[in-house]
Amino acid sequence: MVRRIYWQLFSDFFKIGAFTLGGGYAMIPIIQSEVVDRRRWLKQEEFLDIIAIAQSCPGVFAINMSVFIGYKLRKLPGALCAAFGTTLPSFAIILLIAMFFSRFQDNPLVESIFKGIRPAVVALIAAPTFTLAKSAKITLSNCWIPIGSALAIYLMGVNPVFIILAAGFGGYLYGKYVSPTE
C-alpha cells in the first residue's frame, strides 16, 4: 500500500508533465484536478498555499509544486517521486527536440504550428487565474492588489520579489490591525 502512493505520485505527475503545454502555470488546473478533486490528497486551501509557496521559491514552478505536494504526502521519498515524475517527460522531450531541431527549425509548417500554439498557451495560463482568484477570495473590493501588482511588474519593471514581500507585509498589517478576529 505504501509503495502504491509513490507510484501514484510518480505516474500522476509524469502524466501532468507529459501532457501539459505552457509550463508550470498551465499545469495548475491539471494538478488541482488531480490532487484536490480526484485523489483528495489536499484541500483547496492547502493547494492555494502550495501555489503561493512554490511561486515564492526559486526554481521551476511546476517542480516546486510537485516537490511540496510529494513532501506533504510522504516526506522526502514522496517529494523525489513527484519531482522525478514531473521532470522526466520534459527532459526526454527537450532532449529529442534538441537532437533534431536544427533540421526542421526553418520549416514553414513547423513555424506555423508554433504560431498557432502560442495563443493556446496564453489561454492555458490565463484560465487558472480566474479559478485561483475565486479560490483566493479576490473580489471587487480587493482586486486592485493583483491588478496593481501585475501592472507594477509589467509596466514599471518592479522585481516580483518586492511585490511578494510587500504583499506579505501588507497581509501581516491587515491581519494584525484591521481584521484581528478573522
Foldseek 3Di string as FASTA:
>chain_A
DVVVLLVVLLQLLLVLQQPFPQFDLLSLVVVCCVCCPPVNLDDLVVSLVQQLVLVLDDDGSNLSSSLVSLCVRPNPSRSVSNNCSNVVNVVVVVVVCVVCVVVPVPPPVVVVVVVVVVVVSVCSNPVVVVVSCVSVVPDPVRVCLVVVLVCCCPVVVDDVNVSSVVVVVVVVCCCVPVNVPD
